[in-house]
Protein backbone atom coordinates (compact mmCIF):
# COMPACT_ATOMS: atom_id res chain seq x y z
CA MET A 1 92.54 95.03 108.19
CA VAL A 2 90.07 95.52 111.34
CA ARG A 3 92.06 97.00 114.63
CA LYS A 4 90.53 97.55 118.24
CA ILE A 5 91.65 98.96 121.36
CA ILE A 6 90.23 97.48 124.67
CA THR A 7 91.42 99.92 127.71
CA CYS A 8 90.68 98.53 131.36
CA ILE A 9 92.63 100.37 134.37
CA ALA A 10 94.95 97.01 136.62
CA LEU A 11 96.62 97.60 139.92
CA ILE A 12 98.24 94.97 141.53
CA GLY A 13 100.55 95.57 144.59
CA LEU A 14 103.03 93.34 146.29
CA LEU A 15 103.11 94.33 150.56
CA SER A 16 105.13 93.25 152.86
CA SER A 17 106.41 90.05 150.54
CA CYS A 18 102.95 89.18 150.52
CA GLU A 19 100.68 89.26 146.72
CA LYS A 20 97.75 90.51 146.42
CA THR A 21 95.16 90.89 143.67
CA ILE A 22 92.52 93.69 143.54
CA GLU A 23 89.92 92.58 140.83
CA LEU A 24 89.67 94.12 137.74
CA GLY A 25 87.01 97.59 137.08
CA THR A 26 84.64 97.01 134.69
CA LEU A 27 84.43 100.90 134.61
CA VAL A 28 85.43 102.17 130.77
CA PRO A 29 86.07 106.15 130.22
CA GLU A 30 83.82 106.71 127.70
CA GLY A 31 84.68 107.84 124.09
CA LEU A 32 84.69 106.06 120.58
CA THR A 33 87.14 103.86 118.93
CA ILE A 34 88.26 105.18 115.87
CA TYR A 35 90.91 104.49 113.72
CA ALA A 36 91.32 106.14 110.27
CA LEU A 37 93.80 106.35 107.87
CA ALA A 38 94.03 109.17 105.14
CA SER A 39 96.35 107.79 102.42
CA ALA A 40 96.82 110.22 99.34
CA GLY A 41 95.78 108.58 96.27
CA GLN A 42 93.08 106.68 98.43
CA PRO A 43 89.80 106.26 99.54
CA PHE A 44 89.28 107.99 102.96
CA VAL A 45 88.26 105.27 105.71
CA ALA A 46 87.30 105.15 109.27
CA TYR A 47 86.30 102.11 111.19
CA VAL A 48 84.20 103.37 114.60
CA SER A 49 83.50 101.15 117.41
CA HIS A 50 82.38 100.77 121.28
CA ASN A 51 85.46 100.26 123.52
CA GLN A 52 84.86 97.41 126.11
CA SER A 53 87.03 96.24 128.87
CA VAL A 54 89.64 93.37 129.41
CA SER A 55 87.31 91.51 131.99
CA GLU A 56 84.16 91.73 129.27
CA ALA A 57 86.50 91.24 126.27
CA PRO A 58 86.70 87.08 124.87
CA ASN A 59 90.08 86.04 124.62
CA PHE A 60 91.43 85.23 120.95
CA TYR A 61 95.06 84.63 121.77
CA TYR A 62 95.32 80.40 122.04
CA LEU A 63 94.05 80.75 118.44
CA ASP A 64 96.19 80.04 115.55
CA TYR A 65 96.51 83.77 113.15
CA ALA A 66 94.23 82.78 110.46
CA ASP A 67 91.76 81.62 113.89
CA PHE A 68 92.20 84.95 115.20
CA CYS A 69 91.92 86.35 112.27
CA ASP A 70 88.24 85.34 111.13
CA GLU A 71 87.43 85.24 114.91
CA THR A 72 88.37 88.96 115.78
CA LYS A 73 86.71 90.11 112.70
CA ALA A 74 83.12 88.22 113.29
CA TYR A 75 83.37 90.19 116.88
CA PHE A 76 83.76 93.42 115.26
CA ASN A 77 81.32 93.54 113.05
CA LYS A 78 78.68 91.08 115.61
CA THR A 79 79.79 93.48 119.05
CA LEU A 80 81.50 96.94 118.76
CA VAL A 81 80.84 98.25 115.43
CA VAL A 82 79.19 101.32 115.45
CA LYS A 83 76.67 101.68 112.90
CA GLU A 84 74.48 104.32 113.75
CA ALA A 85 77.14 107.85 113.47
CA ASP A 86 77.57 111.21 112.12
CA ALA A 87 80.82 111.05 110.97
CA THR A 88 82.68 114.83 108.65
CA LEU A 89 86.53 114.89 107.29
CA THR A 90 87.48 118.27 107.13
CA VAL A 91 89.75 119.73 104.53
CA ILE A 92 91.29 123.01 106.36
CA GLY A 93 90.37 126.03 103.97
CA GLY A 94 88.86 123.22 101.76
CA LYS A 95 85.04 121.75 101.92
CA SER A 96 83.73 118.93 104.45
CA TYR A 97 83.01 115.26 103.48
CA LYS A 98 79.44 113.61 105.25
CA LEU A 99 80.51 109.68 105.69
CA SER A 100 78.49 107.22 105.26
CA PHE A 101 78.38 103.51 106.77
CA ASP A 102 79.26 100.10 104.52
CA ALA A 103 78.05 97.70 105.57
CA SER A 104 80.12 94.77 103.36
CA THR A 105 83.17 97.20 105.02
CA SER A 106 81.59 97.65 108.62
CA ALA A 107 83.66 101.10 107.89
CA PHE A 108 82.72 104.59 107.28
CA SER A 109 84.06 106.08 103.69
CA CYS A 110 83.44 109.47 101.75
CA GLU A 111 83.72 110.35 98.00
CA TYR A 112 87.15 112.80 98.86
CA ILE A 113 90.45 110.81 98.20
CA PRO A 114 93.13 112.76 100.53
CA ALA A 115 96.12 114.14 98.82
CA VAL A 116 99.80 115.12 100.01
CA GLY A 117 99.63 118.68 101.67
CA ASP A 118 96.25 118.32 102.87
CA LYS A 119 95.42 119.28 106.83
CA LEU A 120 91.97 116.98 107.91
CA GLU A 121 89.95 117.09 110.75
CA LEU A 122 87.80 114.08 111.56
CA THR A 123 84.77 114.71 113.34
CA VAL A 124 82.10 111.66 114.72
CA SER A 125 79.73 111.59 117.15
CA ALA A 126 77.40 108.94 118.24
CA PRO A 127 74.81 108.49 120.74
CA GLY A 128 75.71 108.24 124.21
CA TYR A 129 79.16 109.64 123.69
CA PRO A 130 81.26 112.39 123.59
CA THR A 131 82.10 114.20 119.99
CA ALA A 132 85.82 112.77 119.29
CA THR A 133 87.38 114.65 117.34
CA SER A 134 91.00 114.47 115.43
CA SER A 135 94.00 115.82 113.30
CA THR A 136 96.64 115.13 110.72
CA THR A 137 98.55 115.95 107.83
CA VAL A 138 99.19 114.09 104.85
CA GLU A 139 102.86 114.41 104.04
CA GLN A 140 105.40 114.60 100.75
CA PRO A 141 106.18 111.04 99.72
CA LEU A 142 110.06 110.21 98.67
CA GLU A 143 111.39 108.63 96.19
CA LEU A 144 113.54 105.92 95.17
CA THR A 145 116.75 105.88 93.28
CA GLY A 146 119.24 102.88 92.77
CA ILE A 147 116.98 99.83 93.31
CA GLU A 148 119.13 97.17 92.17
CA SER A 149 118.01 93.16 93.23
CA ILE A 150 119.56 89.88 93.33
CA VAL A 151 118.09 86.52 94.12
CA THR A 152 120.18 84.35 95.61
CA TYR A 153 118.96 80.37 96.09
CA ASP A 154 119.42 78.18 99.61
CA GLU A 155 121.63 75.17 99.62
CA ALA A 156 118.29 73.45 99.31
CA ALA A 157 119.12 72.81 94.91
CA THR A 158 121.54 73.87 93.12
CA PRO A 159 121.47 76.38 89.98
CA ALA A 160 120.72 73.05 87.61
CA GLN A 161 118.21 71.96 89.76
CA HIS A 162 116.52 75.08 89.91
CA ALA A 163 116.45 75.21 85.76
CA GLN A 164 115.92 71.35 85.43
CA ALA A 165 112.72 71.86 87.73
CA ARG A 166 111.67 75.03 85.66
CA SER A 167 111.85 72.86 82.96
CA LEU A 168 109.61 69.98 83.86
CA HIS A 169 107.03 71.91 86.13
CA GLY A 170 106.85 75.50 84.66
CA TYR A 171 108.08 76.56 88.41
CA ASP A 172 110.59 76.59 90.53
CA PRO A 173 109.95 74.30 93.84
CA TYR A 174 112.81 75.45 95.24
CA GLY A 175 112.08 79.19 95.32
CA ALA A 176 110.51 78.89 99.17
CA ASP A 177 114.28 79.00 99.77
CA SER A 178 114.95 81.74 97.32
CA VAL A 179 115.67 85.43 98.68
CA ALA A 180 115.91 88.86 96.90
CA THR A 181 118.47 91.10 98.59
CA ILE A 182 117.24 94.30 97.57
CA THR A 183 119.18 97.98 97.63
CA PHE A 184 117.89 101.43 97.04
CA THR A 185 118.42 105.02 97.78
CA PHE A 186 116.52 108.44 99.49
CA LYS A 187 116.97 111.72 99.74
CA ASP A 188 115.79 112.72 103.88
CA SER A 189 114.16 116.45 103.74
CA ALA A 190 116.24 118.86 106.01
CA ARG A 191 115.83 120.73 109.01
CA GLN A 192 112.55 118.71 109.96
CA ARG A 193 111.63 115.49 111.76
CA ASN A 194 110.38 113.00 109.20
CA TYR A 195 108.70 109.27 109.74
CA TYR A 196 108.69 106.40 107.77
CA ARG A 197 107.40 102.74 107.45
CA LEU A 198 108.94 100.67 104.81
CA LYS A 199 106.49 98.41 103.50
CA VAL A 200 107.95 95.61 101.50
CA ARG A 201 106.08 92.89 99.99
CA SER A 202 106.96 89.20 98.43
CA VAL A 203 103.57 88.53 95.98
CA GLY A 204 103.21 85.13 94.65
CA GLU A 205 100.17 85.05 91.54
CA TYR A 206 98.39 82.03 91.15
CA LEU A 207 94.88 79.97 89.44
CA SER A 208 92.45 78.94 91.87
CA LEU A 209 91.34 75.53 91.49
CA THR A 210 88.73 76.64 88.63
CA GLY A 211 91.19 78.31 87.09
CA THR A 212 88.75 81.13 87.11
CA ARG A 213 90.40 84.01 90.08
CA THR A 214 93.40 84.98 90.67
CA LEU A 215 95.22 84.12 94.27
CA TYR A 216 97.77 85.81 95.95
CA SER A 217 100.21 84.54 98.33
CA VAL A 218 102.40 87.17 100.73
CA SER A 219 104.17 87.71 103.00
CA ASP A 220 105.73 91.14 104.36
CA ALA A 221 108.53 90.38 106.57
CA PHE A 222 111.68 91.67 105.39
CA THR A 223 115.25 91.43 107.21
CA SER A 224 118.26 93.94 107.28
CA GLY A 225 121.58 94.80 109.09
CA ASN A 226 120.79 98.43 109.00
CA SER A 227 120.17 100.14 111.69
CA ILE A 228 117.12 102.49 111.27
CA PHE A 229 115.98 99.01 110.98
CA HIS A 230 116.51 98.32 114.74
CA ASP A 231 114.51 98.66 117.80
CA LYS A 232 116.56 97.04 120.60
CA GLN A 233 112.75 96.88 122.59
CA LEU A 234 111.06 93.99 120.20
CA MET A 235 113.14 91.48 121.97
CA LYS A 236 110.59 88.67 120.40
CA GLY A 237 109.75 88.23 117.12
CA TYR A 238 106.68 87.66 115.51
CA GLY A 239 104.84 85.51 112.81
CA GLU A 240 107.40 86.02 109.96
CA TRP A 241 109.75 89.00 111.70
CA GLU A 242 112.36 88.43 113.48
CA PRO A 243 113.19 89.66 116.73
CA PHE A 244 115.03 93.68 116.87
CA VAL A 245 113.50 93.95 113.33
CA THR A 246 111.08 96.76 112.55
CA ASN A 247 109.66 98.63 109.08
CA VAL A 248 109.24 101.53 111.29
CA PHE A 249 111.66 104.42 111.67
CA ASP A 250 112.21 108.18 111.90
CA ASP A 251 115.35 110.57 110.46
CA HIS A 252 117.28 111.14 113.00
CA LEU A 253 120.10 108.62 111.86
CA PHE A 254 119.95 110.64 108.13
CA ASP A 255 118.37 113.90 108.94
CA GLY A 256 119.36 115.48 105.81
CA MET A 257 120.93 113.27 103.86
CA GLN A 258 121.22 110.67 101.44
CA TYR A 259 120.18 106.80 102.29
CA THR A 260 121.08 103.88 101.04
CA ALA A 261 119.07 100.78 102.37
CA THR A 262 119.59 97.10 101.63
CA ILE A 263 116.49 94.53 102.80
CA THR A 264 116.27 90.78 102.09
CA SER A 265 112.88 89.20 101.53
CA ARG A 266 111.98 85.83 101.04
CA LEU A 267 110.26 84.89 97.60
CA ARG A 268 106.83 83.42 97.05
CA ASN A 269 106.91 79.28 96.02
CA GLU A 270 104.73 80.75 92.41
CA LYS A 271 105.27 80.65 89.29
CA LYS A 272 104.77 84.51 88.93
CA ASN A 273 106.27 86.19 91.49
CA TYR A 274 107.96 89.77 92.73
CA ILE A 275 108.17 92.83 95.35
CA ILE A 276 106.15 96.15 95.81
CA ILE A 277 108.46 98.14 97.36
CA GLU A 278 106.88 101.24 99.53
CA LEU A 279 108.82 103.88 101.52
CA GLN A 280 105.67 105.38 103.22
CA SER A 281 105.58 108.77 104.65
CA ILE A 282 103.75 108.26 107.60
CA SER A 283 102.45 111.36 110.14
CA PRO A 284 103.91 111.54 113.70
CA GLU A 285 100.82 110.50 115.19
CA LEU A 286 100.69 107.22 113.05
CA TYR A 287 104.09 106.73 113.40
CA TYR A 288 103.54 106.52 117.80
CA TYR A 289 100.83 104.45 117.28
CA LEU A 290 103.51 101.53 115.08
CA LYS A 291 106.28 102.02 117.44
CA SER A 292 103.64 101.30 120.58
CA TYR A 293 101.00 98.68 118.97
CA GLN A 294 104.63 96.52 117.49
CA LEU A 295 105.23 96.87 121.15
CA TYR A 296 102.28 95.65 122.26
CA ARG A 297 101.55 92.93 120.11
CA ILE A 298 105.08 90.67 121.40
CA SER A 299 103.83 91.75 124.80
CA THR A 300 100.16 90.24 125.35
CA ASP A 301 100.86 86.89 125.53
CA ASP A 302 103.44 87.54 129.03
CA VAL A 303 101.78 87.93 132.05
CA TYR A 304 105.62 88.98 133.18
CA SER A 305 105.37 91.60 130.79
CA THR A 306 105.23 95.49 131.20
CA PRO A 307 101.43 96.70 130.70
CA ILE A 308 102.01 98.45 126.81
CA GLY A 309 99.27 101.18 126.11
CA LEU A 310 98.29 102.33 122.72
CA TYR A 311 99.57 105.78 121.42
CA CYS A 312 95.93 107.90 120.68
CA ASN A 313 95.66 110.74 118.92
CA ILE A 314 91.19 110.82 119.71
CA ASN A 315 89.85 113.67 121.57
CA ASN A 316 87.17 112.45 123.70
CA GLY A 317 88.11 109.06 122.48
CA TRP A 318 89.70 106.23 121.75
CA GLY A 319 92.40 104.72 118.39
CA ILE A 320 94.11 106.71 115.81
CA LEU A 321 93.57 109.28 113.08
CA GLY A 322 97.11 109.02 110.84
CA SER A 323 98.17 109.68 107.39
CA THR A 324 100.55 107.63 104.94
CA SER A 325 101.89 108.76 101.08
CA ALA A 326 104.00 106.49 98.77
CA ILE A 327 105.18 106.27 95.75
CA ARG A 328 105.08 102.24 94.52
CA TYR A 329 108.30 100.30 92.86
CA ILE A 330 107.36 96.53 92.04
CA VAL A 331 110.60 94.47 91.66
CA LYS A 332 110.17 91.71 88.86
C-alpha cells in the first residue's frame, strides 16, 4: 500500500469579527518522504518520494474508495516517486545492506529479512536533498491462547434456510449476514510500555471467471466492546470501521497482566471463508504514526476540523520507519 505525506503551512486569522484569508504558501521544507516497514520474517521495503505542497497536489477526495486508490497510486508512481536514491539499511552490531529500486513495486528493497530484536538504521540520500536517517527496533511478538469462536446468523434467514441454501447452491448467500465472535487471551510484558495493532482480516476465496485463478474478498474491520479498542477521538467512522473503534493501542490498562479480548468480524459471502488474526507488536514510532493517521483520515473532508499533523520519525525528511512482528492465527 503506497502512502504519501503532503506538507504545507497554512494560517487563518480572525480579526475584529472579520475573516481574513492568507494565501497558501508554495514553499515546502526540503526533505525526502520515506515510508518503510521492518516486519519480522518479511522482506524489508522502503518507499521514497518527493514532498509536495497542498496547493500543488491534486484533490482526489471526491472519488470513491477504489478510484481513490488507483488514482493516488498512479500519481505517486508518475510524479512523486524517487528512483535515483542511495539507500542503506544497517543492522546495529551487524551487516549493512544496499537497497535497490524495483520499478514493478516503486519501492526500494534488499535481501535482508528483519528478525525479532534487530535494531535497524536506515540512511537515504538523493540529489537535491539532505541525507535522511531513521532507526527502529523489531519487538517481540505475543502468543495468543484460548482462541474460541462462535458464528451467529442475522435475522435475514433461519438456520434451516442456511442449510437449504448450502445444499442447493453449494454456498450460503445468507453468509453475508453472518458474523464470527472471537475470544482470545494474551500476556503483556511487565515494567515497560508496549504497543500493539490487532489485525483481523475476514477473507473469502473464490475462482475467477476462467477458473484459473483464486481471488479474494477481504475486510479488516471489526467491532469490540473492550475498552482497549476504544478511541474517543475517532468521532466518525471510516469505510467499514465504526466510530470510536481502533485497532491500535498500548498496554497502560493491563501492563504486565493477562488480558482476554473479544472481537466481532463479519464473514465473507464466499463458500470458503476464514479469519486471520495477528496481534502485532509494533514500535513506538509506528504506534504514534498510526494513531495520527487514523485521526487524519476522518478529518480530510471536513473544512471545520483542526489540522492534523502526521507523526514523523525521519531526520531531515518526512514519513515513518516502523517495525512489526506477529504470530498468525487462522480461524476457520
